[in-house]
C-alpha atoms as a PDB file:
ATOM      1  CA  UNK A   1       4.407  -3.509 -23.358  1.00  0.00           C
ATOM      2  CA  UNK A   2       4.984  -4.733 -20.208  1.00  0.00           C
ATOM      3  CA  UNK A   3       8.730  -3.678 -18.516  1.00  0.00           C
ATOM      4  CA  UNK A   4       8.890  -6.143 -16.070  1.00  0.00           C
ATOM      5  CA  UNK A   5       7.769  -9.784 -16.575  1.00  0.00           C
ATOM      6  CA  UNK A   6       6.675  -9.898 -12.719  1.00  0.00           C
ATOM      7  CA  UNK A   7       3.951  -7.004 -11.092  1.00  0.00           C
ATOM      8  CA  UNK A   8       1.346  -7.921  -8.131  1.00  0.00           C
ATOM      9  CA  UNK A   9      -2.244  -7.093  -9.714  1.00  0.00           C
ATOM     10  CA  UNK A  10      -4.810  -5.258  -7.866  1.00  0.00           C
ATOM     11  CA  UNK A  11      -8.691  -6.111  -9.448  1.00  0.00           C
ATOM     12  CA  UNK A  12     -10.393  -2.783  -8.643  1.00  0.00           C
ATOM     13  CA  UNK A  13     -14.350  -2.024  -8.948  1.00  0.00           C
ATOM     14  CA  UNK A  14     -14.008   1.287 -10.543  1.00  0.00           C
ATOM     15  CA  UNK A  15     -11.377   4.756 -10.170  1.00  0.00           C
ATOM     16  CA  UNK A  16      -8.768   2.392 -10.686  1.00  0.00           C
ATOM     17  CA  UNK A  17      -6.973   5.072 -12.571  1.00  0.00           C
ATOM     18  CA  UNK A  18      -7.671   7.620 -10.242  1.00  0.00           C
ATOM     19  CA  UNK A  19      -6.070   5.244  -7.584  1.00  0.00           C
ATOM     20  CA  UNK A  20      -2.871   4.764  -9.845  1.00  0.00           C
ATOM     21  CA  UNK A  21      -2.308   8.246  -9.932  1.00  0.00           C
ATOM     22  CA  UNK A  22      -2.959   9.387  -6.653  1.00  0.00           C
ATOM     23  CA  UNK A  23      -0.202   6.475  -5.684  1.00  0.00           C
ATOM     24  CA  UNK A  24       2.023   7.817  -7.467  1.00  0.00           C
ATOM     25  CA  UNK A  25       1.936  11.182  -6.602  1.00  0.00           C
ATOM     26  CA  UNK A  26       2.258  10.361  -2.895  1.00  0.00           C
ATOM     27  CA  UNK A  27       5.585   7.495  -3.304  1.00  0.00           C
ATOM     28  CA  UNK A  28       8.757   9.750  -4.613  1.00  0.00           C
ATOM     29  CA  UNK A  29       9.846   7.988  -7.521  1.00  0.00           C
ATOM     30  CA  UNK A  30       6.938   7.022  -8.895  1.00  0.00           C
ATOM     31  CA  UNK A  31       4.710   6.997 -12.381  1.00  0.00           C
ATOM     32  CA  UNK A  32       1.667   5.623 -14.532  1.00  0.00           C
ATOM     33  CA  UNK A  33       3.709   3.628 -17.454  1.00  0.00           C
ATOM     34  CA  UNK A  34       0.887   2.292 -19.265  1.00  0.00           C
ATOM     35  CA  UNK A  35      -3.081   2.455 -19.491  1.00  0.00           C
ATOM     36  CA  UNK A  36      -5.826   0.001 -21.460  1.00  0.00           C
ATOM     37  CA  UNK A  37      -9.690   0.216 -21.753  1.00  0.00           C
ATOM     38  CA  UNK A  38     -12.047  -2.501 -23.645  1.00  0.00           C
ATOM     39  CA  UNK A  39     -15.546  -2.640 -24.000  1.00  0.00           C
ATOM     40  CA  UNK A  40     -14.842  -6.456 -25.619  1.00  0.00           C
ATOM     41  CA  UNK A  41     -14.009  -8.223 -22.553  1.00  0.00           C
ATOM     42  CA  UNK A  42     -14.872 -11.529 -20.982  1.00  0.00           C
ATOM     43  CA  UNK A  43     -16.257 -14.538 -21.979  1.00  0.00           C
ATOM     44  CA  UNK A  44     -19.604 -13.444 -23.265  1.00  0.00           C
ATOM     45  CA  UNK A  45     -17.562 -10.182 -25.099  1.00  0.00           C
ATOM     46  CA  UNK A  46     -19.503  -7.718 -22.513  1.00  0.00           C
ATOM     47  CA  UNK A  47     -16.838  -6.981 -19.392  1.00  0.00           C
ATOM     48  CA  UNK A  48     -15.884  -3.301 -19.733  1.00  0.00           C
ATOM     49  CA  UNK A  49     -12.355  -3.465 -17.725  1.00  0.00           C
ATOM     50  CA  UNK A  50      -9.422  -1.223 -17.991  1.00  0.00           C
ATOM     51  CA  UNK A  51      -5.636  -1.530 -16.561  1.00  0.00           C
ATOM     52  CA  UNK A  52      -3.519   0.170 -15.594  1.00  0.00           C
ATOM     53  CA  UNK A  53       0.324   0.027 -15.331  1.00  0.00           C
ATOM     54  CA  UNK A  54       2.352   2.105 -12.837  1.00  0.00           C
ATOM     55  CA  UNK A  55       5.517   1.697 -10.813  1.00  0.00           C
ATOM     56  CA  UNK A  56       5.668   2.700  -7.091  1.00  0.00           C
ATOM     57  CA  UNK A  57       9.599   3.450  -6.381  1.00  0.00           C
ATOM     58  CA  UNK A  58      10.819   1.052  -8.343  1.00  0.00           C
ATOM     59  CA  UNK A  59       8.232  -1.438  -7.776  1.00  0.00           C
ATOM     60  CA  UNK A  60       5.818  -2.555 -10.980  1.00  0.00           C
ATOM     61  CA  UNK A  61       1.983  -2.984 -10.432  1.00  0.00           C
ATOM     62  CA  UNK A  62      -0.969  -3.355 -12.275  1.00  0.00           C
ATOM     63  CA  UNK A  63      -5.035  -2.400 -11.691  1.00  0.00           C
ATOM     64  CA  UNK A  64      -7.048  -4.468 -13.583  1.00  0.00           C
ATOM     65  CA  UNK A  65      -9.867  -2.206 -13.140  1.00  0.00           C
ATOM     66  CA  UNK A  66     -12.901  -4.671 -14.048  1.00  0.00           C
ATOM     67  CA  UNK A  67     -16.056  -4.924 -11.503  1.00  0.00           C
ATOM     68  CA  UNK A  68     -17.324  -6.112  -8.190  1.00  0.00           C
ATOM     69  CA  UNK A  69     -16.011  -9.410  -8.538  1.00  0.00           C
ATOM     70  CA  UNK A  70     -13.283  -9.794  -6.498  1.00  0.00           C
ATOM     71  CA  UNK A  71     -13.530  -7.209  -4.178  1.00  0.00           C
ATOM     72  CA  UNK A  72     -10.110  -5.679  -2.371  1.00  0.00           C
ATOM     73  CA  UNK A  73      -9.335  -6.858   0.793  1.00  0.00           C
ATOM     74  CA  UNK A  74      -7.111  -7.064   4.127  1.00  0.00           C
ATOM     75  CA  UNK A  75      -5.522 -10.283   2.980  1.00  0.00           C
ATOM     76  CA  UNK A  76      -3.299  -8.157  -0.063  1.00  0.00           C
ATOM     77  CA  UNK A  77      -1.674  -5.511   1.561  1.00  0.00           C
ATOM     78  CA  UNK A  78       1.016  -2.796   0.217  1.00  0.00           C
ATOM     79  CA  UNK A  79       3.931  -2.300   2.607  1.00  0.00           C
ATOM     80  CA  UNK A  80       5.430   1.178   2.851  1.00  0.00           C
ATOM     81  CA  UNK A  81       9.145   1.599   4.931  1.00  0.00           C
ATOM     82  CA  UNK A  82       9.445   4.780   5.359  1.00  0.00           C
ATOM     83  CA  UNK A  83      12.908   6.870   6.027  1.00  0.00           C
ATOM     84  CA  UNK A  84      11.298   8.673   8.971  1.00  0.00           C
ATOM     85  CA  UNK A  85       8.745   9.397  11.316  1.00  0.00           C
ATOM     86  CA  UNK A  86       7.639  12.788   9.540  1.00  0.00           C
ATOM     87  CA  UNK A  87       7.635  10.433   6.119  1.00  0.00           C
ATOM     88  CA  UNK A  88       5.905   8.081   8.038  1.00  0.00           C
ATOM     89  CA  UNK A  89       2.798  10.837   9.235  1.00  0.00           C
ATOM     90  CA  UNK A  90       2.695  12.206   6.050  1.00  0.00           C
ATOM     91  CA  UNK A  91       1.681   9.173   4.177  1.00  0.00           C
ATOM     92  CA  UNK A  92      -0.445   7.854   7.003  1.00  0.00           C
ATOM     93  CA  UNK A  93      -2.582  10.849   6.541  1.00  0.00           C
ATOM     94  CA  UNK A  94      -2.527  11.246   3.183  1.00  0.00           C
ATOM     95  CA  UNK A  95      -3.418   7.731   1.965  1.00  0.00           C
ATOM     96  CA  UNK A  96      -6.276   7.273   5.105  1.00  0.00           C
ATOM     97  CA  UNK A  97      -7.650  10.533   3.928  1.00  0.00           C
ATOM     98  CA  UNK A  98     -11.085  11.745   2.239  1.00  0.00           C
ATOM     99  CA  UNK A  99     -12.604   7.772   3.225  1.00  0.00           C
ATOM    100  CA  UNK A 100     -10.280   5.807   4.298  1.00  0.00           C
ATOM    101  CA  UNK A 101      -9.405   4.749   8.203  1.00  0.00           C
ATOM    102  CA  UNK A 102      -6.624   4.409  10.250  1.00  0.00           C
ATOM    103  CA  UNK A 103      -6.639   0.815  11.281  1.00  0.00           C
ATOM    104  CA  UNK A 104      -3.903  -0.582  13.439  1.00  0.00           C
ATOM    105  CA  UNK A 105       0.295  -1.502  13.603  1.00  0.00           C
ATOM    106  CA  UNK A 106       0.553   0.829  11.268  1.00  0.00           C
ATOM    107  CA  UNK A 107      -2.021  -0.286   8.683  1.00  0.00           C
ATOM    108  CA  UNK A 108      -4.667   1.307   7.331  1.00  0.00           C
ATOM    109  CA  UNK A 109      -6.817   1.764   4.588  1.00  0.00           C
ATOM    110  CA  UNK A 110      -7.214   4.508   1.263  1.00  0.00           C
ATOM    111  CA  UNK A 111     -10.047   5.290  -0.237  1.00  0.00           C
ATOM    112  CA  UNK A 112     -10.165   2.968  -2.795  1.00  0.00           C
ATOM    113  CA  UNK A 113     -10.306   0.391  -0.350  1.00  0.00           C
ATOM    114  CA  UNK A 114      -6.757  -0.674  -0.675  1.00  0.00           C
ATOM    115  CA  UNK A 115      -4.699  -1.608   2.463  1.00  0.00           C
ATOM    116  CA  UNK A 116      -1.609   0.009   3.734  1.00  0.00           C
ATOM    117  CA  UNK A 117       1.303  -0.659   6.416  1.00  0.00           C
ATOM    118  CA  UNK A 118       3.078   2.423   6.653  1.00  0.00           C
ATOM    119  CA  UNK A 119       6.099   1.377   9.420  1.00  0.00           C
ATOM    120  CA  UNK A 120       9.391   3.937   9.566  1.00  0.00           C
ATOM    121  CA  UNK A 121      12.453   1.192   8.026  1.00  0.00           C
ATOM    122  CA  UNK A 122      14.195   1.807  11.956  1.00  0.00           C
ATOM    123  CA  UNK A 123      10.684  -0.572  13.069  1.00  0.00           C
ATOM    124  CA  UNK A 124      11.935  -2.939  10.557  1.00  0.00           C
ATOM    125  CA  UNK A 125      15.073  -3.362  11.891  1.00  0.00           C
ATOM    126  CA  UNK A 126      13.666  -3.095  15.732  1.00  0.00           C
ATOM    127  CA  UNK A 127      11.810  -6.201  14.841  1.00  0.00           C
ATOM    128  CA  UNK A 128      14.536  -8.305  13.272  1.00  0.00           C
ATOM    129  CA  UNK A 129      17.286  -7.686  15.066  1.00  0.00           C
ATOM    130  CA  UNK A 130      19.423 -10.791  17.078  1.00  0.00           C
ATOM    131  CA  UNK A 131      18.643  -9.412  20.116  1.00  0.00           C
ATOM    132  CA  UNK A 132      15.308 -11.293  20.092  1.00  0.00           C
ATOM    133  CA  UNK A 133      14.281  -9.705  23.567  1.00  0.00           C
ATOM    134  CA  UNK A 134      14.833  -6.021  22.051  1.00  0.00           C
ATOM    135  CA  UNK A 135      12.806  -7.344  19.441  1.00  0.00           C
ATOM    136  CA  UNK A 136      10.216  -8.508  21.137  1.00  0.00           C
ATOM    137  CA  UNK A 137       9.804  -5.016  23.415  1.00  0.00           C
ATOM    138  CA  UNK A 138       9.400  -3.478  19.824  1.00  0.00           C
ATOM    139  CA  UNK A 139       6.625  -5.459  18.419  1.00  0.00           C
ATOM    140  CA  UNK A 140       4.875  -5.074  21.717  1.00  0.00           C
ATOM    141  CA  UNK A 141       4.980  -2.057  21.742  1.00  0.00           C
ATOM    142  CA  UNK A 142       3.889  -1.439  17.604  1.00  0.00           C
ATOM    143  CA  UNK A 143       0.683  -3.785  18.616  1.00  0.00           C
ATOM    144  CA  UNK A 144      -0.816  -1.418  20.560  1.00  0.00           C
ATOM    145  CA  UNK A 145      -0.397   1.240  18.055  1.00  0.00           C
ATOM    146  CA  UNK A 146      -2.717   3.103  15.302  1.00  0.00           C
ATOM    147  CA  UNK A 147      -0.309   4.915  13.642  1.00  0.00           C
ATOM    148  CA  UNK A 148       3.405   3.542  14.202  1.00  0.00           C
ATOM    149  CA  UNK A 149       5.243   6.032  16.361  1.00  0.00           C
ATOM    150  CA  UNK A 150       9.271   5.527  16.219  1.00  0.00           C
ATOM    151  CA  UNK A 151      10.068   7.548  19.225  1.00  0.00           C
ATOM    152  CA  UNK A 152       7.765   4.846  20.980  1.00  0.00           C
ATOM    153  CA  UNK A 153       8.876   2.128  19.553  1.00  0.00           C
ATOM    154  CA  UNK A 154      12.667   2.719  20.309  1.00  0.00           C
ATOM    155  CA  UNK A 155      12.050   3.498  23.487  1.00  0.00           C
ATOM    156  CA  UNK A 156      10.203   0.358  24.106  1.00  0.00           C
ATOM    157  CA  UNK A 157      12.599  -1.545  22.656  1.00  0.00           C
ATOM    158  CA  UNK A 158      15.317   0.333  25.165  1.00  0.00           C
END
């Protein structure tokens, strides 16, 4: 039974439970909360699917592992604000390991095809501050990075 009435559902084409367990292992205060599998779903009754409910640091998600009809794309990503550069580095490398890929501006794609953006919380604060010139300098620095370098963004903003 769902404990949260609203959640983001991610459509996977295989390895959904494995992915949810992997994500929960990387992000503190996260856990898989439920699992359901069926071989009798879909309009023709022949669709196999699995549903995995999980929570990442208090935010509910669900993976619907139901085949290739709707592949993951960069249109949906999970953004994680990190407390410092060390946690940014740890998550950036762990999420992209074993078949993932690094992208621009803190984005990466994990081994399952899900897009993430890993950003130090201080960078978000710098880009949203009232001093628009300083915020624009921070944003310009981020636009030229792969993994976010907090010290470089702070220097650019200053």
